[in-house]
Amino acid sequence: MLTLIAGKCEAGKGVVRRGGSRRRSGFSLLELTLVLVIIGLLIGAAAYSVAGAGARAKVRVTKASMETIRSALSQYNLEHSAYPPTLQTLITTKFLEDKKLRDGWDREFYYDPRGRGREQPYTLASVGEDGQGGTEDDIDIWTMNR
């Protein structure tokens, strides 16, 4: 039970009003700071997750486009008994649509019909996010699913 002594409440925080009910005046500075820190951490985690998802999506788009080109190259080879001299040939002969010749970073694919041997009759690659060939982020049609 609360007792009122000289206008102050003995049982704790708040002000005693008529009828004996208590009323808090608001949130403390510590409570508000804690809520703001938690919100900041959640926003930071979400931003980090979204940023990584964009890069992974570009890699997936590139791999899917390369699979489409691989299929068109195989069809062309079946009809003409050779691989086309350029990827543009796949468009002019209606094996591919024009929009399929760009990777996830909107760069042209690297293509060489000579390849690296019997197991890899042509070279098809993307230079990846950094735009430099011969680096770790390159995507090669023959090694991309390993």
C-alpha atoms as a PDB file:
ATOM      1  CA  MET A   1       0.000   0.000   0.000  1.00  0.00           C
ATOM      2  CA  LEU A   2       1.251   3.456  -0.847  1.00  0.00           C
ATOM      3  CA  THR A   3       1.337   6.215   1.669  1.00  0.00           C
ATOM      4  CA  LEU A   4       1.608   9.875   0.897  1.00  0.00           C
ATOM      5  CA  ILE A   5       4.057  11.777   3.076  1.00  0.00           C
ATOM      6  CA  ALA A   6       4.541  15.498   2.365  1.00  0.00           C
ATOM      7  CA  GLY A   7       3.539  15.044  -1.307  1.00  0.00           C
ATOM      8  CA  LYS A   8       6.060  12.211  -2.005  1.00  0.00           C
ATOM      9  CA  CYS A   9       5.417   8.546  -2.594  1.00  0.00           C
ATOM     10  CA  GLU A  10       7.319   6.139  -0.362  1.00  0.00           C
ATOM     11  CA  ALA A  11       6.805   2.986  -2.475  1.00  0.00           C
ATOM     12  CA  GLY A  12       8.784   4.096  -5.540  1.00  0.00           C
ATOM     13  CA  LYS A  13       8.562   6.143  -8.692  1.00  0.00           C
ATOM     14  CA  GLY A  14       5.593   8.081  -9.835  1.00  0.00           C
ATOM     15  CA  VAL A  15       3.157  10.534  -8.425  1.00  0.00           C
ATOM     16  CA  VAL A  16       0.141   9.583  -6.345  1.00  0.00           C
ATOM     17  CA  ARG A  17      -3.086  10.999  -7.722  1.00  0.00           C
ATOM     18  CA  ARG A  18      -6.519  10.999  -6.251  1.00  0.00           C
ATOM     19  CA  GLY A  19      -7.862   7.517  -6.044  1.00  0.00           C
ATOM     20  CA  GLY A  20      -4.413   6.030  -5.307  1.00  0.00           C
ATOM     21  CA  SER A  21      -3.361   5.229  -8.924  1.00  0.00           C
ATOM     22  CA  ARG A  22       0.247   5.682 -10.161  1.00  0.00           C
ATOM     23  CA  ARG A  23       1.351   7.342 -13.395  1.00  0.00           C
ATOM     24  CA  ARG A  24       4.841   7.134 -14.966  1.00  0.00           C
ATOM     25  CA  SER A  25       6.036  10.236 -16.704  1.00  0.00           C
ATOM     26  CA  GLY A  26       7.697   8.475 -19.739  1.00  0.00           C
ATOM     27  CA  PHE A  27      10.712   6.415 -20.866  1.00  0.00           C
ATOM     28  CA  SER A  28      14.123   6.927 -19.343  1.00  0.00           C
ATOM     29  CA  LEU A  29      17.077   8.047 -21.461  1.00  0.00           C
ATOM     30  CA  LEU A  30      18.657   4.610 -20.994  1.00  0.00           C
ATOM     31  CA  GLU A  31      15.576   2.838 -22.372  1.00  0.00           C
ATOM     32  CA  LEU A  32      15.431   5.115 -25.419  1.00  0.00           C
ATOM     33  CA  THR A  33      19.162   4.672 -26.089  1.00  0.00           C
ATOM     34  CA  LEU A  34      18.846   0.895 -25.859  1.00  0.00           C
ATOM     35  CA  VAL A  35      15.955   0.841 -28.347  1.00  0.00           C
ATOM     36  CA  LEU A  36      17.906   3.038 -30.806  1.00  0.00           C
ATOM     37  CA  VAL A  37      20.970   0.765 -30.561  1.00  0.00           C
ATOM     38  CA  ILE A  38      18.852  -2.330 -31.248  1.00  0.00           C
ATOM     39  CA  ILE A  39      17.188  -0.661 -34.248  1.00  0.00           C
ATOM     40  CA  GLY A  40      20.609   0.379 -35.582  1.00  0.00           C
ATOM     41  CA  LEU A  41      21.932  -3.180 -35.284  1.00  0.00           C
ATOM     42  CA  LEU A  42      18.910  -4.588 -37.111  1.00  0.00           C
ATOM     43  CA  ILE A  43      19.245  -2.063 -39.945  1.00  0.00           C
ATOM     44  CA  GLY A  44      22.966  -2.806 -40.249  1.00  0.00           C
ATOM     45  CA  ALA A  45      22.366  -6.565 -40.422  1.00  0.00           C
ATOM     46  CA  ALA A  46      19.660  -6.113 -43.056  1.00  0.00           C
ATOM     47  CA  ALA A  47      21.863  -3.831 -45.185  1.00  0.00           C
ATOM     48  CA  TYR A  48      24.748  -6.325 -45.046  1.00  0.00           C
ATOM     49  CA  SER A  49      22.442  -9.164 -46.069  1.00  0.00           C
ATOM     50  CA  VAL A  50      20.924  -7.229 -48.974  1.00  0.00           C
ATOM     51  CA  ALA A  51      24.345  -6.134 -50.280  1.00  0.00           C
ATOM     52  CA  GLY A  52      25.568  -9.740 -50.401  1.00  0.00           C
ATOM     53  CA  ALA A  53      22.390 -10.929 -52.084  1.00  0.00           C
ATOM     54  CA  GLY A  54      22.917  -8.526 -54.996  1.00  0.00           C
ATOM     55  CA  ALA A  55      26.391  -9.895 -55.747  1.00  0.00           C
ATOM     56  CA  ARG A  56      25.190 -13.504 -55.498  1.00  0.00           C
ATOM     57  CA  ALA A  57      22.272 -12.728 -57.818  1.00  0.00           C
ATOM     58  CA  LYS A  58      24.651 -11.362 -60.477  1.00  0.00           C
ATOM     59  CA  VAL A  59      26.702 -14.558 -60.311  1.00  0.00           C
ATOM     60  CA  ARG A  60      23.532 -16.668 -60.696  1.00  0.00           C
ATOM     61  CA  VAL A  61      22.371 -14.580 -63.663  1.00  0.00           C
ATOM     62  CA  THR A  62      25.783 -14.950 -65.299  1.00  0.00           C
ATOM     63  CA  LYS A  63      25.806 -18.724 -64.829  1.00  0.00           C
ATOM     64  CA  ALA A  64      22.261 -19.039 -66.190  1.00  0.00           C
ATOM     65  CA  SER A  65      23.157 -16.958 -69.256  1.00  0.00           C
ATOM     66  CA  MET A  66      26.258 -19.079 -69.832  1.00  0.00           C
ATOM     67  CA  GLU A  67      24.159 -22.255 -69.692  1.00  0.00           C
ATOM     68  CA  THR A  68      21.816 -20.758 -72.302  1.00  0.00           C
ATOM     69  CA  ILE A  69      24.789 -19.915 -74.536  1.00  0.00           C
ATOM     70  CA  ARG A  70      26.235 -23.408 -74.004  1.00  0.00           C
ATOM     71  CA  SER A  71      22.967 -24.908 -75.214  1.00  0.00           C
ATOM     72  CA  ALA A  72      22.927 -22.648 -78.283  1.00  0.00           C
ATOM     73  CA  LEU A  73      26.565 -23.524 -79.051  1.00  0.00           C
ATOM     74  CA  SER A  74      25.729 -27.241 -78.894  1.00  0.00           C
ATOM     75  CA  GLN A  75      22.730 -26.791 -81.206  1.00  0.00           C
ATOM     76  CA  TYR A  76      24.837 -24.765 -83.657  1.00  0.00           C
ATOM     77  CA  ASN A  77      27.546 -27.448 -83.578  1.00  0.00           C
ATOM     78  CA  LEU A  78      24.991 -30.168 -84.320  1.00  0.00           C
ATOM     79  CA  GLU A  79      23.688 -28.294 -87.365  1.00  0.00           C
ATOM     80  CA  HIS A  80      26.996 -26.991 -88.760  1.00  0.00           C
ATOM     81  CA  SER A  81      29.536 -29.553 -87.432  1.00  0.00           C
ATOM     82  CA  ALA A  82      31.616 -26.702 -86.013  1.00  0.00           C
ATOM     83  CA  TYR A  83      31.356 -24.036 -83.351  1.00  0.00           C
ATOM     84  CA  PRO A  84      30.567 -20.496 -84.527  1.00  0.00           C
ATOM     85  CA  PRO A  85      33.463 -18.061 -84.981  1.00  0.00           C
ATOM     86  CA  THR A  86      31.788 -15.495 -82.685  1.00  0.00           C
ATOM     87  CA  LEU A  87      28.850 -15.412 -80.289  1.00  0.00           C
ATOM     88  CA  GLN A  88      27.240 -12.834 -82.559  1.00  0.00           C
ATOM     89  CA  THR A  89      26.851 -15.634 -85.120  1.00  0.00           C
ATOM     90  CA  LEU A  90      24.406 -17.325 -82.718  1.00  0.00           C
ATOM     91  CA  ILE A  91      22.228 -14.216 -82.912  1.00  0.00           C
ATOM     92  CA  THR A  92      22.359 -13.799 -86.691  1.00  0.00           C
ATOM     93  CA  THR A  93      21.493 -17.488 -87.157  1.00  0.00           C
ATOM     94  CA  LYS A  94      18.628 -17.172 -84.609  1.00  0.00           C
ATOM     95  CA  PHE A  95      20.067 -19.562 -82.032  1.00  0.00           C
ATOM     96  CA  LEU A  96      20.062 -16.778 -79.391  1.00  0.00           C
ATOM     97  CA  GLU A  97      18.377 -13.488 -78.605  1.00  0.00           C
ATOM     98  CA  ASP A  98      20.639 -10.445 -78.514  1.00  0.00           C
ATOM     99  CA  LYS A  99      20.097  -9.771 -74.806  1.00  0.00           C
ATOM    100  CA  LYS A 100      21.667 -13.103 -73.788  1.00  0.00           C
ATOM    101  CA  LEU A 101      25.255 -12.056 -74.605  1.00  0.00           C
ATOM    102  CA  ARG A 102      25.897 -10.015 -71.431  1.00  0.00           C
ATOM    103  CA  ASP A 103      26.845 -11.201 -67.960  1.00  0.00           C
ATOM    104  CA  GLY A 104      25.370 -10.056 -64.640  1.00  0.00           C
ATOM    105  CA  TRP A 105      27.654  -7.005 -64.634  1.00  0.00           C
ATOM    106  CA  ASP A 106      26.500  -6.017 -68.143  1.00  0.00           C
ATOM    107  CA  ARG A 107      29.784  -7.030 -69.802  1.00  0.00           C
ATOM    108  CA  GLU A 108      30.252  -9.161 -72.890  1.00  0.00           C
ATOM    109  CA  PHE A 109      31.290 -12.765 -72.403  1.00  0.00           C
ATOM    110  CA  TYR A 110      34.727 -13.923 -73.533  1.00  0.00           C
ATOM    111  CA  TYR A 111      34.418 -16.566 -76.252  1.00  0.00           C
ATOM    112  CA  ASP A 112      37.079 -18.437 -78.235  1.00  0.00           C
ATOM    113  CA  PRO A 113      35.953 -21.226 -80.597  1.00  0.00           C
ATOM    114  CA  ARG A 114      39.371 -22.941 -80.481  1.00  0.00           C
ATOM    115  CA  GLY A 115      38.992 -24.080 -76.878  1.00  0.00           C
ATOM    116  CA  ARG A 116      41.522 -25.899 -74.721  1.00  0.00           C
ATOM    117  CA  GLY A 117      41.293 -29.402 -76.108  1.00  0.00           C
ATOM    118  CA  ARG A 118      38.878 -32.220 -76.794  1.00  0.00           C
ATOM    119  CA  GLU A 119      37.090 -31.975 -73.414  1.00  0.00           C
ATOM    120  CA  GLN A 120      36.749 -28.185 -73.697  1.00  0.00           C
ATOM    121  CA  PRO A 121      36.131 -27.516 -77.412  1.00  0.00           C
ATOM    122  CA  TYR A 122      35.575 -23.774 -76.871  1.00  0.00           C
ATOM    123  CA  THR A 123      36.200 -21.160 -74.177  1.00  0.00           C
ATOM    124  CA  LEU A 124      33.296 -19.262 -72.684  1.00  0.00           C
ATOM    125  CA  ALA A 125      33.896 -17.090 -69.623  1.00  0.00           C
ATOM    126  CA  SER A 126      32.932 -13.990 -67.686  1.00  0.00           C
ATOM    127  CA  VAL A 127      35.581 -11.792 -66.074  1.00  0.00           C
ATOM    128  CA  GLY A 128      33.386 -11.485 -62.990  1.00  0.00           C
ATOM    129  CA  GLU A 129      32.713  -8.566 -60.703  1.00  0.00           C
ATOM    130  CA  ASP A 130      36.188  -7.000 -60.860  1.00  0.00           C
ATOM    131  CA  GLY A 131      36.259  -6.885 -64.671  1.00  0.00           C
ATOM    132  CA  GLN A 132      39.781  -8.366 -64.790  1.00  0.00           C
ATOM    133  CA  GLY A 133      40.565 -11.655 -66.505  1.00  0.00           C
ATOM    134  CA  GLY A 134      42.603 -14.300 -64.704  1.00  0.00           C
ATOM    135  CA  THR A 135      41.368 -13.448 -61.206  1.00  0.00           C
ATOM    136  CA  GLU A 136      39.545 -15.506 -58.604  1.00  0.00           C
ATOM    137  CA  ASP A 137      36.071 -14.172 -59.420  1.00  0.00           C
ATOM    138  CA  ASP A 138      36.166 -15.243 -63.100  1.00  0.00           C
ATOM    139  CA  ILE A 139      33.405 -17.631 -64.152  1.00  0.00           C
ATOM    140  CA  ASP A 140      34.314 -20.318 -66.704  1.00  0.00           C
ATOM    141  CA  ILE A 141      31.687 -22.525 -68.356  1.00  0.00           C
ATOM    142  CA  TRP A 142      33.724 -25.684 -67.713  1.00  0.00           C
ATOM    143  CA  THR A 143      34.466 -25.075 -64.020  1.00  0.00           C
ATOM    144  CA  MET A 144      31.516 -23.013 -62.757  1.00  0.00           C
ATOM    145  CA  ASN A 145      29.580 -25.942 -61.247  1.00  0.00           C
ATOM    146  CA  ARG A 146      32.488 -27.538 -59.391  1.00  0.00           C
END
